[in-house]
PDB file of N, CA and C in Angstrom:
ATOM      1  N   MET A   1       2.192  17.799 -20.758  1.00  0.00           N
ATOM      2  CA  MET A   1       2.729  17.574 -19.424  1.00  0.00           C
ATOM      3  C   MET A   1       1.729  18.012 -18.364  1.00  0.00           C
ATOM      4  N   SER A   2       1.042  19.100 -18.616  1.00  0.00           N
ATOM      5  CA  SER A   2       0.073  19.631 -17.667  1.00  0.00           C
ATOM      6  C   SER A   2      -1.091  18.674 -17.465  1.00  0.00           C
ATOM      7  N   LEU A   3      -1.549  18.013 -18.509  1.00  0.00           N
ATOM      8  CA  LEU A   3      -2.658  17.068 -18.409  1.00  0.00           C
ATOM      9  C   LEU A   3      -2.254  15.863 -17.554  1.00  0.00           C
ATOM     10  N   ALA A   4      -1.062  15.358 -17.767  1.00  0.00           N
ATOM     11  CA  ALA A   4      -0.565  14.232 -16.972  1.00  0.00           C
ATOM     12  C   ALA A   4      -0.456  14.626 -15.500  1.00  0.00           C
ATOM     13  N   TRP A   5       0.012  15.823 -15.252  1.00  0.00           N
ATOM     14  CA  TRP A   5       0.127  16.308 -13.869  1.00  0.00           C
ATOM     15  C   TRP A   5      -1.252  16.411 -13.225  1.00  0.00           C
ATOM     16  N   ASP A   6      -2.224  16.937 -13.955  1.00  0.00           N
ATOM     17  CA  ASP A   6      -3.587  17.063 -13.436  1.00  0.00           C
ATOM     18  C   ASP A   6      -4.196  15.690 -13.129  1.00  0.00           C
ATOM     19  N   ILE A   7      -3.956  14.725 -14.000  1.00  0.00           N
ATOM     20  CA  ILE A   7      -4.470  13.367 -13.768  1.00  0.00           C
ATOM     21  C   ILE A   7      -3.828  12.758 -12.526  1.00  0.00           C
ATOM     22  N   LEU A   8      -2.525  12.911 -12.390  1.00  0.00           N
ATOM     23  CA  LEU A   8      -1.819  12.410 -11.214  1.00  0.00           C
ATOM     24  C   LEU A   8      -2.343  13.060  -9.945  1.00  0.00           C
ATOM     25  N   GLN A   9      -2.532  14.367  -9.970  1.00  0.00           N
ATOM     26  CA  GLN A   9      -3.050  15.088  -8.804  1.00  0.00           C
ATOM     27  C   GLN A   9      -4.455  14.596  -8.448  1.00  0.00           C
ATOM     28  N   HIS A  10      -5.299  14.425  -9.443  1.00  0.00           N
ATOM     29  CA  HIS A  10      -6.668  13.943  -9.217  1.00  0.00           C
ATOM     30  C   HIS A  10      -6.637  12.544  -8.580  1.00  0.00           C
ATOM     31  N   TYR A  11      -5.778  11.675  -9.107  1.00  0.00           N
ATOM     32  CA  TYR A  11      -5.633  10.325  -8.559  1.00  0.00           C
ATOM     33  C   TYR A  11      -5.197  10.369  -7.097  1.00  0.00           C
ATOM     34  N   GLN A  12      -4.203  11.189  -6.792  1.00  0.00           N
ATOM     35  CA  GLN A  12      -3.702  11.280  -5.420  1.00  0.00           C
ATOM     36  C   GLN A  12      -4.752  11.865  -4.483  1.00  0.00           C
ATOM     37  N   ILE A  13      -5.537  12.816  -4.949  1.00  0.00           N
ATOM     38  CA  ILE A  13      -6.608  13.392  -4.135  1.00  0.00           C
ATOM     39  C   ILE A  13      -7.661  12.328  -3.830  1.00  0.00           C
ATOM     40  N   GLU A  14      -8.057  11.561  -4.840  1.00  0.00           N
ATOM     41  CA  GLU A  14      -9.055  10.498  -4.634  1.00  0.00           C
ATOM     42  C   GLU A  14      -8.532   9.427  -3.681  1.00  0.00           C
ATOM     43  N   LYS A  15      -7.258   9.094  -3.838  1.00  0.00           N
ATOM     44  CA  LYS A  15      -6.633   8.106  -2.950  1.00  0.00           C
ATOM     45  C   LYS A  15      -6.629   8.614  -1.507  1.00  0.00           C
ATOM     46  N   ALA A  16      -6.325   9.897  -1.308  1.00  0.00           N
ATOM     47  CA  ALA A  16      -6.325  10.492   0.031  1.00  0.00           C
ATOM     48  C   ALA A  16      -7.738  10.530   0.610  1.00  0.00           C
ATOM     49  N   LYS A  17      -8.730  10.834  -0.226  1.00  0.00           N
ATOM     50  CA  LYS A  17     -10.120  10.845   0.242  1.00  0.00           C
ATOM     51  C   LYS A  17     -10.552   9.452   0.698  1.00  0.00           C
ATOM     52  N   THR A  18     -10.190   8.439  -0.075  1.00  0.00           N
ATOM     53  CA  THR A  18     -10.526   7.056   0.280  1.00  0.00           C
ATOM     54  C   THR A  18      -9.869   6.664   1.606  1.00  0.00           C
ATOM     55  N   ALA A  19      -8.611   7.011   1.758  1.00  0.00           N
ATOM     56  CA  ALA A  19      -7.895   6.713   3.005  1.00  0.00           C
ATOM     57  C   ALA A  19      -8.537   7.442   4.183  1.00  0.00           C
ATOM     58  N   ALA A  20      -8.943   8.693   3.976  1.00  0.00           N
ATOM     59  CA  ALA A  20      -9.586   9.467   5.042  1.00  0.00           C
ATOM     60  C   ALA A  20     -10.934   8.860   5.418  1.00  0.00           C
ATOM     61  N   ASP A  21     -11.702   8.415   4.417  1.00  0.00           N
ATOM     62  CA  ASP A  21     -12.988   7.773   4.694  1.00  0.00           C
ATOM     63  C   ASP A  21     -12.801   6.487   5.490  1.00  0.00           C
ATOM     64  N   LEU A  22     -11.799   5.694   5.118  1.00  0.00           N
ATOM     65  CA  LEU A  22     -11.514   4.456   5.833  1.00  0.00           C
ATOM     66  C   LEU A  22     -11.092   4.748   7.276  1.00  0.00           C
ATOM     67  N   ALA A  23     -10.249   5.734   7.453  1.00  0.00           N
ATOM     68  CA  ALA A  23      -9.808   6.110   8.797  1.00  0.00           C
ATOM     69  C   ALA A  23     -10.987   6.583   9.638  1.00  0.00           C
ATOM     70  N   SER A  24     -11.874   7.357   9.042  1.00  0.00           N
ATOM     71  CA  SER A  24     -13.055   7.836   9.752  1.00  0.00           C
ATOM     72  C   SER A  24     -13.946   6.669  10.181  1.00  0.00           C
ATOM     73  N   PHE A  25     -14.123   5.692   9.295  1.00  0.00           N
ATOM     74  CA  PHE A  25     -14.910   4.507   9.617  1.00  0.00           C
ATOM     75  C   PHE A  25     -14.281   3.744  10.776  1.00  0.00           C
ATOM     76  N   LYS A  26     -12.959   3.581  10.741  1.00  0.00           N
ATOM     77  CA  LYS A  26     -12.262   2.869  11.814  1.00  0.00           C
ATOM     78  C   LYS A  26     -12.423   3.596  13.146  1.00  0.00           C
ATOM     79  N   VAL A  27     -12.321   4.914  13.133  1.00  0.00           N
ATOM     80  CA  VAL A  27     -12.482   5.698  14.360  1.00  0.00           C
ATOM     81  C   VAL A  27     -13.886   5.517  14.922  1.00  0.00           C
ATOM     82  N   ASP A  28     -14.893   5.576  14.050  1.00  0.00           N
ATOM     83  CA  ASP A  28     -16.275   5.386  14.496  1.00  0.00           C
ATOM     84  C   ASP A  28     -16.470   3.995  15.097  1.00  0.00           C
ATOM     85  N   SER A  29     -15.895   2.990  14.442  1.00  0.00           N
ATOM     86  CA  SER A  29     -16.005   1.614  14.918  1.00  0.00           C
ATOM     87  C   SER A  29     -15.330   1.444  16.283  1.00  0.00           C
ATOM     88  N   LEU A  30     -14.123   1.989  16.418  1.00  0.00           N
ATOM     89  CA  LEU A  30     -13.404   1.893  17.691  1.00  0.00           C
ATOM     90  C   LEU A  30     -14.118   2.662  18.796  1.00  0.00           C
ATOM     91  N   SER A  31     -14.700   3.774  18.458  1.00  0.00           N
ATOM     92  CA  SER A  31     -15.441   4.556  19.440  1.00  0.00           C
ATOM     93  C   SER A  31     -16.653   3.767  19.949  1.00  0.00           C
ATOM     94  N   ALA A  32     -17.350   3.109  19.044  1.00  0.00           N
ATOM     95  CA  ALA A  32     -18.502   2.292  19.440  1.00  0.00           C
ATOM     96  C   ALA A  32     -18.054   1.127  20.323  1.00  0.00           C
ATOM     97  N   ARG A  33     -16.926   0.484  19.964  1.00  0.00           N
ATOM     98  CA  ARG A  33     -16.403  -0.617  20.789  1.00  0.00           C
ATOM     99  C   ARG A  33     -16.009  -0.116  22.167  1.00  0.00           C
ATOM    100  N   LYS A  34     -15.399   1.071  22.230  1.00  0.00           N
ATOM    101  CA  LYS A  34     -15.010   1.646  23.523  1.00  0.00           C
ATOM    102  C   LYS A  34     -16.236   1.888  24.385  1.00  0.00           C
ATOM    103  N   ASP A  35     -17.279   2.458  23.784  1.00  0.00           N
ATOM    104  CA  ASP A  35     -18.506   2.722  24.535  1.00  0.00           C
ATOM    105  C   ASP A  35     -19.132   1.422  25.037  1.00  0.00           C
ATOM    106  N   ASN A  36     -19.130   0.379  24.202  1.00  0.00           N
ATOM    107  CA  ASN A  36     -19.681  -0.910  24.592  1.00  0.00           C
ATOM    108  C   ASN A  36     -18.864  -1.530  25.724  1.00  0.00           C
ATOM    109  N   THR A  37     -17.546  -1.451  25.610  1.00  0.00           N
ATOM    110  CA  THR A  37     -16.669  -1.985  26.652  1.00  0.00           C
ATOM    111  C   THR A  37     -16.869  -1.241  27.963  1.00  0.00           C
ATOM    112  N   LYS A  38     -17.014   0.058  27.880  1.00  0.00           N
ATOM    113  CA  LYS A  38     -17.245   0.856  29.082  1.00  0.00           C
ATOM    114  C   LYS A  38     -18.557   0.446  29.756  1.00  0.00           C
ATOM    115  N   GLN A  39     -19.608   0.222  28.973  1.00  0.00           N
ATOM    116  CA  GLN A  39     -20.893  -0.212  29.518  1.00  0.00           C
ATOM    117  C   GLN A  39     -20.771  -1.584  30.175  1.00  0.00           C
ATOM    118  N   GLU A  40     -20.063  -2.507  29.507  1.00  0.00           N
ATOM    119  CA  GLU A  40     -19.858  -3.842  30.077  1.00  0.00           C
ATOM    120  C   GLU A  40     -19.086  -3.760  31.386  1.00  0.00           C
ATOM    121  N   LEU A  41     -18.070  -2.915  31.444  1.00  0.00           N
ATOM    122  CA  LEU A  41     -17.300  -2.735  32.667  1.00  0.00           C
ATOM    123  C   LEU A  41     -18.182  -2.211  33.794  1.00  0.00           C
ATOM    124  N   GLU A  42     -19.027  -1.251  33.490  1.00  0.00           N
ATOM    125  CA  GLU A  42     -19.943  -0.708  34.503  1.00  0.00           C
ATOM    126  C   GLU A  42     -20.872  -1.796  35.024  1.00  0.00           C
ATOM    127  N   GLU A  43     -21.389  -2.635  34.125  1.00  0.00           N
ATOM    128  CA  GLU A  43     -22.290  -3.709  34.526  1.00  0.00           C
ATOM    129  C   GLU A  43     -21.570  -4.747  35.384  1.00  0.00           C
ATOM    130  N   LEU A  44     -20.335  -5.094  35.008  1.00  0.00           N
ATOM    131  CA  LEU A  44     -19.557  -6.042  35.800  1.00  0.00           C
ATOM    132  C   LEU A  44     -19.210  -5.476  37.173  1.00  0.00           C
ATOM    133  N   THR A  45     -18.877  -4.205  37.220  1.00  0.00           N
ATOM    134  CA  THR A  45     -18.581  -3.554  38.500  1.00  0.00           C
ATOM    135  C   THR A  45     -19.806  -3.589  39.404  1.00  0.00           C
ATOM    136  N   LEU A  46     -20.959  -3.297  38.855  1.00  0.00           N
ATOM    137  CA  LEU A  46     -22.203  -3.332  39.612  1.00  0.00           C
ATOM    138  C   LEU A  46     -22.491  -4.745  40.128  1.00  0.00           C
ATOM    139  N   ALA A  47     -22.308  -5.755  39.262  1.00  0.00           N
ATOM    140  CA  ALA A  47     -22.542  -7.140  39.679  1.00  0.00           C
ATOM    141  C   ALA A  47     -21.571  -7.560  40.778  1.00  0.00           C
ATOM    142  N   CYS A  48     -20.300  -7.188  40.651  1.00  0.00           N
ATOM    143  CA  CYS A  48     -19.311  -7.524  41.683  1.00  0.00           C
ATOM    144  C   CYS A  48     -19.664  -6.864  43.012  1.00  0.00           C
ATOM    145  N   GLN A  49     -20.075  -5.611  42.964  1.00  0.00           N
ATOM    146  CA  GLN A  49     -20.451  -4.909  44.194  1.00  0.00           C
ATOM    147  C   GLN A  49     -21.659  -5.584  44.841  1.00  0.00           C
ATOM    148  N   ALA A  50     -22.637  -5.973  44.022  1.00  0.00           N
ATOM    149  CA  ALA A  50     -23.827  -6.641  44.561  1.00  0.00           C
ATOM    150  C   ALA A  50     -23.450  -7.975  45.203  1.00  0.00           C
ATOM    151  N   MET A  51     -22.602  -8.766  44.527  1.00  0.00           N
ATOM    152  CA  MET A  51     -22.184 -10.054  45.102  1.00  0.00           C
ATOM    153  C   MET A  51     -21.421  -9.846  46.402  1.00  0.00           C
ATOM    154  N   TRP A  52     -20.531  -8.852  46.411  1.00  0.00           N
ATOM    155  CA  TRP A  52     -19.772  -8.598  47.625  1.00  0.00           C
ATOM    156  C   TRP A  52     -20.695  -8.215  48.781  1.00  0.00           C
ATOM    157  N   GLU A  53     -21.661  -7.337  48.525  1.00  0.00           N
ATOM    158  CA  GLU A  53     -22.559  -6.916  49.597  1.00  0.00           C
ATOM    159  C   GLU A  53     -23.405  -8.085  50.100  1.00  0.00           C
ATOM    160  N   LEU A  54     -23.800  -8.996  49.227  1.00  0.00           N
ATOM    161  CA  LEU A  54     -24.525 -10.184  49.679  1.00  0.00           C
ATOM    162  C   LEU A  54     -23.653 -11.038  50.592  1.00  0.00           C
ATOM    163  N   LEU A  55     -22.412 -11.271  50.194  1.00  0.00           N
ATOM    164  CA  LEU A  55     -21.494 -12.053  51.029  1.00  0.00           C
ATOM    165  C   LEU A  55     -21.225 -11.368  52.362  1.00  0.00           C
ATOM    166  N   ARG A  56     -20.996 -10.083  52.315  1.00  0.00           N
ATOM    167  CA  ARG A  56     -20.717  -9.331  53.541  1.00  0.00           C
ATOM    168  C   ARG A  56     -21.928  -9.326  54.470  1.00  0.00           C
ATOM    169  N   ASP A  57     -23.089  -9.007  53.915  1.00  0.00           N
ATOM    170  CA  ASP A  57     -24.283  -8.836  54.739  1.00  0.00           C
ATOM    171  C   ASP A  57     -24.857 -10.154  55.249  1.00  0.00           C
ATOM    172  N   HIS A  58     -24.733 -11.230  54.476  1.00  0.00           N
ATOM    173  CA  HIS A  58     -25.372 -12.486  54.864  1.00  0.00           C
ATOM    174  C   HIS A  58     -24.420 -13.527  55.437  1.00  0.00           C
ATOM    175  N   LEU A  59     -23.142 -13.410  55.173  1.00  0.00           N
ATOM    176  CA  LEU A  59     -22.192 -14.406  55.657  1.00  0.00           C
ATOM    177  C   LEU A  59     -21.149 -13.831  56.612  1.00  0.00           C
ATOM    178  N   GLY A  60     -21.153 -12.530  56.787  1.00  0.00           N
ATOM    179  CA  GLY A  60     -20.280 -11.919  57.778  1.00  0.00           C
ATOM    180  C   GLY A  60     -18.846 -11.680  57.359  1.00  0.00           C
ATOM    181  N   PHE A  61     -18.538 -11.793  56.073  1.00  0.00           N
ATOM    182  CA  PHE A  61     -17.185 -11.456  55.638  1.00  0.00           C
ATOM    183  C   PHE A  61     -16.958  -9.958  55.806  1.00  0.00           C
ATOM    184  N   THR A  62     -15.686  -9.586  55.947  1.00  0.00           N
ATOM    185  CA  THR A  62     -15.361  -8.165  56.121  1.00  0.00           C
ATOM    186  C   THR A  62     -14.642  -7.645  54.877  1.00  0.00           C
ATOM    187  N   ASP A  63     -14.555  -6.326  54.799  1.00  0.00           N
ATOM    188  CA  ASP A  63     -13.806  -5.717  53.694  1.00  0.00           C
ATOM    189  C   ASP A  63     -12.352  -6.181  53.713  1.00  0.00           C
ATOM    190  N   GLU A  64     -11.803  -6.408  54.903  1.00  0.00           N
ATOM    191  CA  GLU A  64     -10.428  -6.881  55.008  1.00  0.00           C
ATOM    192  C   GLU A  64     -10.284  -8.291  54.436  1.00  0.00           C
ATOM    193  N   HIS A  65     -11.290  -9.159  54.652  1.00  0.00           N
ATOM    194  CA  HIS A  65     -11.280 -10.481  54.023  1.00  0.00           C
ATOM    195  C   HIS A  65     -11.186 -10.332  52.505  1.00  0.00           C
ATOM    196  N   LEU A  66     -11.982  -9.444  51.950  1.00  0.00           N
ATOM    197  CA  LEU A  66     -12.001  -9.227  50.502  1.00  0.00           C
ATOM    198  C   LEU A  66     -10.657  -8.708  50.006  1.00  0.00           C
ATOM    199  N   ARG A  67     -10.116  -7.700  50.689  1.00  0.00           N
ATOM    200  CA  ARG A  67      -8.813  -7.145  50.275  1.00  0.00           C
ATOM    201  C   ARG A  67      -7.719  -8.204  50.309  1.00  0.00           C
ATOM    202  N   ALA A  68      -7.718  -9.032  51.361  1.00  0.00           N
ATOM    203  CA  ALA A  68      -6.704 -10.085  51.486  1.00  0.00           C
ATOM    204  C   ALA A  68      -6.833 -11.107  50.357  1.00  0.00           C
ATOM    205  N   LYS A  69      -8.052 -11.474  49.995  1.00  0.00           N
ATOM    206  CA  LYS A  69      -8.259 -12.450  48.919  1.00  0.00           C
ATOM    207  C   LYS A  69      -7.854 -11.860  47.573  1.00  0.00           C
ATOM    208  N   ILE A  70      -8.171 -10.587  47.349  1.00  0.00           N
ATOM    209  CA  ILE A  70      -7.761  -9.924  46.108  1.00  0.00           C
ATOM    210  C   ILE A  70      -6.242  -9.936  45.993  1.00  0.00           C
ATOM    211  N   LEU A  71      -5.552  -9.600  47.068  1.00  0.00           N
ATOM    212  CA  LEU A  71      -4.089  -9.598  47.064  1.00  0.00           C
ATOM    213  C   LEU A  71      -3.537 -11.003  46.828  1.00  0.00           C
ATOM    214  N   GLU A  72      -4.138 -12.008  47.454  1.00  0.00           N
ATOM    215  CA  GLU A  72      -3.693 -13.390  47.267  1.00  0.00           C
ATOM    216  C   GLU A  72      -3.818 -13.814  45.800  1.00  0.00           C
ATOM    217  N   ILE A  73      -4.958 -13.524  45.203  1.00  0.00           N
ATOM    218  CA  ILE A  73      -5.180 -13.901  43.804  1.00  0.00           C
ATOM    219  C   ILE A  73      -4.234 -13.137  42.891  1.00  0.00           C
ATOM    220  N   ASP A  74      -4.049 -11.860  43.159  1.00  0.00           N
ATOM    221  CA  ASP A  74      -3.154 -11.030  42.349  1.00  0.00           C
ATOM    222  C   ASP A  74      -1.716 -11.555  42.393  1.00  0.00           C
ATOM    223  N   ALA A  75      -1.292 -12.051  43.535  1.00  0.00           N
ATOM    224  CA  ALA A  75       0.101 -12.480  43.718  1.00  0.00           C
ATOM    225  C   ALA A  75       0.375 -13.894  43.197  1.00  0.00           C
ATOM    226  N   ARG A  76      -0.637 -14.638  42.792  1.00  0.00           N
ATOM    227  CA  ARG A  76      -0.433 -16.024  42.366  1.00  0.00           C
ATOM    228  C   ARG A  76       0.561 -16.167  41.213  1.00  0.00           C
ATOM    229  N   ASP A  77       0.624 -15.176  40.349  1.00  0.00           N
ATOM    230  CA  ASP A  77       1.555 -15.260  39.221  1.00  0.00           C
ATOM    231  C   ASP A  77       2.925 -14.695  39.558  1.00  0.00           C
ATOM    232  N   GLY A  78       3.122 -14.295  40.820  1.00  0.00           N
ATOM    233  CA  GLY A  78       4.406 -13.774  41.267  1.00  0.00           C
ATOM    234  C   GLY A  78       4.557 -12.277  41.120  1.00  0.00           C
ATOM    235  N   VAL A  79       3.529 -11.596  40.607  1.00  0.00           N
ATOM    236  CA  VAL A  79       3.593 -10.152  40.394  1.00  0.00           C
ATOM    237  C   VAL A  79       2.307  -9.522  40.921  1.00  0.00           C
ATOM    238  N   VAL A  80       2.443  -8.602  41.873  1.00  0.00           N
ATOM    239  CA  VAL A  80       1.271  -7.867  42.379  1.00  0.00           C
ATOM    240  C   VAL A  80       1.103  -6.642  41.485  1.00  0.00           C
ATOM    241  N   ASP A  81       0.189  -6.776  40.504  1.00  0.00           N
ATOM    242  CA  ASP A  81       0.027  -5.714  39.513  1.00  0.00           C
ATOM    243  C   ASP A  81      -1.439  -5.394  39.198  1.00  0.00           C
ATOM    244  N   GLY A  82      -2.348  -5.937  39.999  1.00  0.00           N
ATOM    245  CA  GLY A  82      -3.763  -5.674  39.767  1.00  0.00           C
ATOM    246  C   GLY A  82      -4.351  -6.484  38.631  1.00  0.00           C
ATOM    247  N   LYS A  83      -3.661  -7.560  38.218  1.00  0.00           N
ATOM    248  CA  LYS A  83      -4.129  -8.394  37.112  1.00  0.00           C
ATOM    249  C   LYS A  83      -4.009  -9.861  37.487  1.00  0.00           C
ATOM    250  N   ILE A  84      -4.854 -10.678  36.867  1.00  0.00           N
ATOM    251  CA  ILE A  84      -4.698 -12.122  37.009  1.00  0.00           C
ATOM    252  C   ILE A  84      -3.772 -12.564  35.892  1.00  0.00           C
ATOM    253  N   GLY A  85      -2.613 -13.051  36.262  1.00  0.00           N
ATOM    254  CA  GLY A  85      -1.642 -13.473  35.257  1.00  0.00           C
ATOM    255  C   GLY A  85      -1.598 -14.979  35.122  1.00  0.00           C
ATOM    256  N   ALA A  86      -0.793 -15.429  34.193  1.00  0.00           N
ATOM    257  CA  ALA A  86      -0.637 -16.858  33.955  1.00  0.00           C
ATOM    258  C   ALA A  86       0.157 -17.498  35.076  1.00  0.00           C
ATOM    259  N   GLU A  87      -0.182 -18.730  35.377  1.00  0.00           N
ATOM    260  CA  GLU A  87       0.560 -19.523  36.344  1.00  0.00           C
ATOM    261  C   GLU A  87       1.132 -20.734  35.621  1.00  0.00           C
ATOM    262  N   MET A  88       2.266 -21.214  36.087  1.00  0.00           N
ATOM    263  CA  MET A  88       2.813 -22.467  35.584  1.00  0.00           C
ATOM    264  C   MET A  88       2.382 -23.556  36.553  1.00  0.00           C
ATOM    265  N   ILE A  89       1.716 -24.571  36.014  1.00  0.00           N
ATOM    266  CA  ILE A  89       1.252 -25.685  36.840  1.00  0.00           C
ATOM    267  C   ILE A  89       1.724 -26.986  36.220  1.00  0.00           C
ATOM    268  N   ASP A  90       1.667 -28.052  36.995  1.00  0.00           N
ATOM    269  CA  ASP A  90       1.935 -29.382  36.468  1.00  0.00           C
ATOM    270  C   ASP A  90       0.623 -29.929  35.918  1.00  0.00           C
ATOM    271  N   CYS A  91       0.639 -30.362  34.670  1.00  0.00           N
ATOM    272  CA  CYS A  91      -0.562 -30.940  34.072  1.00  0.00           C
ATOM    273  C   CYS A  91      -0.921 -32.196  34.864  1.00  0.00           C
ATOM    274  N   PRO A  92      -2.166 -32.301  35.347  1.00  0.00           N
ATOM    275  CA  PRO A  92      -2.551 -33.475  36.129  1.00  0.00           C
ATOM    276  C   PRO A  92      -2.644 -34.753  35.289  1.00  0.00           C
ATOM    277  N   HIS A  93      -2.596 -34.620  33.974  1.00  0.00           N
ATOM    278  CA  HIS A  93      -2.731 -35.777  33.093  1.00  0.00           C
ATOM    279  C   HIS A  93      -1.385 -36.338  32.657  1.00  0.00           C
ATOM    280  N   CYS A  94      -0.423 -35.439  32.330  1.00  0.00           N
ATOM    281  CA  CYS A  94       0.869 -35.932  31.824  1.00  0.00           C
ATOM    282  C   CYS A  94       2.058 -35.490  32.679  1.00  0.00           C
ATOM    283  N   GLY A  95       1.829 -34.570  33.623  1.00  0.00           N
ATOM    284  CA  GLY A  95       2.899 -34.139  34.520  1.00  0.00           C
ATOM    285  C   GLY A  95       3.813 -33.056  33.975  1.00  0.00           C
ATOM    286  N   GLN A  96       3.634 -32.654  32.718  1.00  0.00           N
ATOM    287  CA  GLN A  96       4.464 -31.609  32.121  1.00  0.00           C
ATOM    288  C   GLN A  96       4.063 -30.242  32.676  1.00  0.00           C
ATOM    289  N   LYS A  97       5.027 -29.301  32.651  1.00  0.00           N
ATOM    290  CA  LYS A  97       4.720 -27.925  33.037  1.00  0.00           C
ATOM    291  C   LYS A  97       3.836 -27.293  31.973  1.00  0.00           C
ATOM    292  N   ALA A  98       2.792 -26.611  32.422  1.00  0.00           N
ATOM    293  CA  ALA A  98       1.858 -25.998  31.478  1.00  0.00           C
ATOM    294  C   ALA A  98       1.465 -24.625  32.003  1.00  0.00           C
ATOM    295  N   SER A  99       1.197 -23.721  31.083  1.00  0.00           N
ATOM    296  CA  SER A  99       0.788 -22.364  31.433  1.00  0.00           C
ATOM    297  C   SER A  99      -0.733 -22.291  31.457  1.00  0.00           C
ATOM    298  N   THR A 100      -1.251 -21.583  32.445  1.00  0.00           N
ATOM    299  CA  THR A 100      -2.706 -21.429  32.554  1.00  0.00           C
ATOM    300  C   THR A 100      -3.257 -20.424  31.551  1.00  0.00           C
ATOM    301  N   THR A 101      -2.401 -19.896  30.660  1.00  0.00           N
ATOM    302  CA  THR A 101      -2.922 -19.016  29.614  1.00  0.00           C
ATOM    303  C   THR A 101      -3.671 -19.820  28.553  1.00  0.00           C
ATOM    304  N   LYS A 102      -3.427 -21.109  28.491  1.00  0.00           N
ATOM    305  CA  LYS A 102      -4.103 -21.990  27.527  1.00  0.00           C
ATOM    306  C   LYS A 102      -5.088 -22.890  28.276  1.00  0.00           C
ATOM    307  N   PRO A 103      -6.236 -23.166  27.679  1.00  0.00           N
ATOM    308  CA  PRO A 103      -7.203 -24.034  28.359  1.00  0.00           C
ATOM    309  C   PRO A 103      -6.786 -25.501  28.366  1.00  0.00           C
ATOM    310  N   ASN A 104      -5.949 -25.904  27.386  1.00  0.00           N
ATOM    311  CA  ASN A 104      -5.521 -27.298  27.278  1.00  0.00           C
ATOM    312  C   ASN A 104      -4.009 -27.393  27.354  1.00  0.00           C
ATOM    313  N   CYS A 105      -3.539 -28.519  27.854  1.00  0.00           N
ATOM    314  CA  CYS A 105      -2.103 -28.796  27.920  1.00  0.00           C
ATOM    315  C   CYS A 105      -1.548 -28.904  26.502  1.00  0.00           C
ATOM    316  N   ILE A 106      -0.419 -28.241  26.237  1.00  0.00           N
ATOM    317  CA  ILE A 106       0.161 -28.287  24.889  1.00  0.00           C
ATOM    318  C   ILE A 106       0.857 -29.618  24.620  1.00  0.00           C
ATOM    319  N   TYR A 107       1.087 -30.412  25.668  1.00  0.00           N
ATOM    320  CA  TYR A 107       1.767 -31.694  25.492  1.00  0.00           C
ATOM    321  C   TYR A 107       0.787 -32.844  25.254  1.00  0.00           C
ATOM    322  N   CYS A 108      -0.259 -32.926  26.079  1.00  0.00           N
ATOM    323  CA  CYS A 108      -1.178 -34.055  25.942  1.00  0.00           C
ATOM    324  C   CYS A 108      -2.561 -33.654  25.415  1.00  0.00           C
ATOM    325  N   GLY A 109      -2.858 -32.347  25.410  1.00  0.00           N
ATOM    326  CA  GLY A 109      -4.128 -31.872  24.872  1.00  0.00           C
ATOM    327  C   GLY A 109      -5.300 -31.903  25.830  1.00  0.00           C
ATOM    328  N   ASN A 110      -5.093 -32.437  27.026  1.00  0.00           N
ATOM    329  CA  ASN A 110      -6.186 -32.498  28.000  1.00  0.00           C
ATOM    330  C   ASN A 110      -6.445 -31.136  28.639  1.00  0.00           C
ATOM    331  N   ARG A 111      -7.660 -30.959  29.097  1.00  0.00           N
ATOM    332  CA  ARG A 111      -8.079 -29.704  29.734  1.00  0.00           C
ATOM    333  C   ARG A 111      -7.301 -29.501  31.030  1.00  0.00           C
ATOM    334  N   LEU A 112      -6.828 -28.250  31.222  1.00  0.00           N
ATOM    335  CA  LEU A 112      -6.099 -27.905  32.443  1.00  0.00           C
ATOM    336  C   LEU A 112      -7.081 -27.371  33.488  1.00  0.00           C
ATOM    337  N   PRO A 113      -6.827 -27.662  34.748  1.00  0.00           N
ATOM    338  CA  PRO A 113      -7.690 -27.090  35.790  1.00  0.00           C
ATOM    339  C   PRO A 113      -7.414 -25.599  35.942  1.00  0.00           C
ATOM    340  N   SER A 114      -8.398 -24.874  36.402  1.00  0.00           N
ATOM    341  CA  SER A 114      -8.221 -23.438  36.606  1.00  0.00           C
ATOM    342  C   SER A 114      -8.841 -23.031  37.921  1.00  0.00           C
ATOM    343  N   ARG A 115      -8.119 -22.204  38.662  1.00  0.00           N
ATOM    344  CA  ARG A 115      -8.685 -21.656  39.892  1.00  0.00           C
ATOM    345  C   ARG A 115      -9.532 -20.425  39.592  1.00  0.00           C
ATOM    346  N   ASN A 116      -9.448 -19.936  38.374  1.00  0.00           N
ATOM    347  CA  ASN A 116     -10.162 -18.739  37.991  1.00  0.00           C
ATOM    348  C   ASN A 116     -11.404 -19.120  37.183  1.00  0.00           C
ATOM    349  N   VAL A 117     -12.567 -19.032  37.797  1.00  0.00           N
ATOM    350  CA  VAL A 117     -13.803 -19.403  37.106  1.00  0.00           C
ATOM    351  C   VAL A 117     -14.272 -18.308  36.160  1.00  0.00           C
ATOM    352  N   MET A 118     -13.645 -17.139  36.206  1.00  0.00           N
ATOM    353  CA  MET A 118     -14.066 -16.008  35.379  1.00  0.00           C
ATOM    354  C   MET A 118     -13.432 -16.033  33.997  1.00  0.00           C
ATOM    355  N   LYS A 119     -12.446 -16.863  33.755  1.00  0.00           N
ATOM    356  CA  LYS A 119     -11.784 -16.903  32.440  1.00  0.00           C
ATOM    357  C   LYS A 119     -11.949 -18.242  31.814  1.00  0.00           C
TER     358      LYS A 119
END
């Protein structure tokens, strides 16, 4: 009985070690993805700031113009939440209601227009 118990314990220990190694690998992978995402966000923020300053300095737009446009875009989906959400539009090809979360109309398959050039 003792030998069987020892074998079972050894098996469970090895299984736990394998699970711990896998979890450690996943944590390392997610940490690297987080760092990469953070770097991309910093780069996008820098690019947006540079574009805004060019528009402001060379075309005379004001910070209030920018704030108003941000609010307008945010509200297009009916919710002011700091995100660009889906809109329901009429497909220009078949006339059916379509969500802007998909690039193509689910009814006719044609490409849907988008006011958001960033997605």
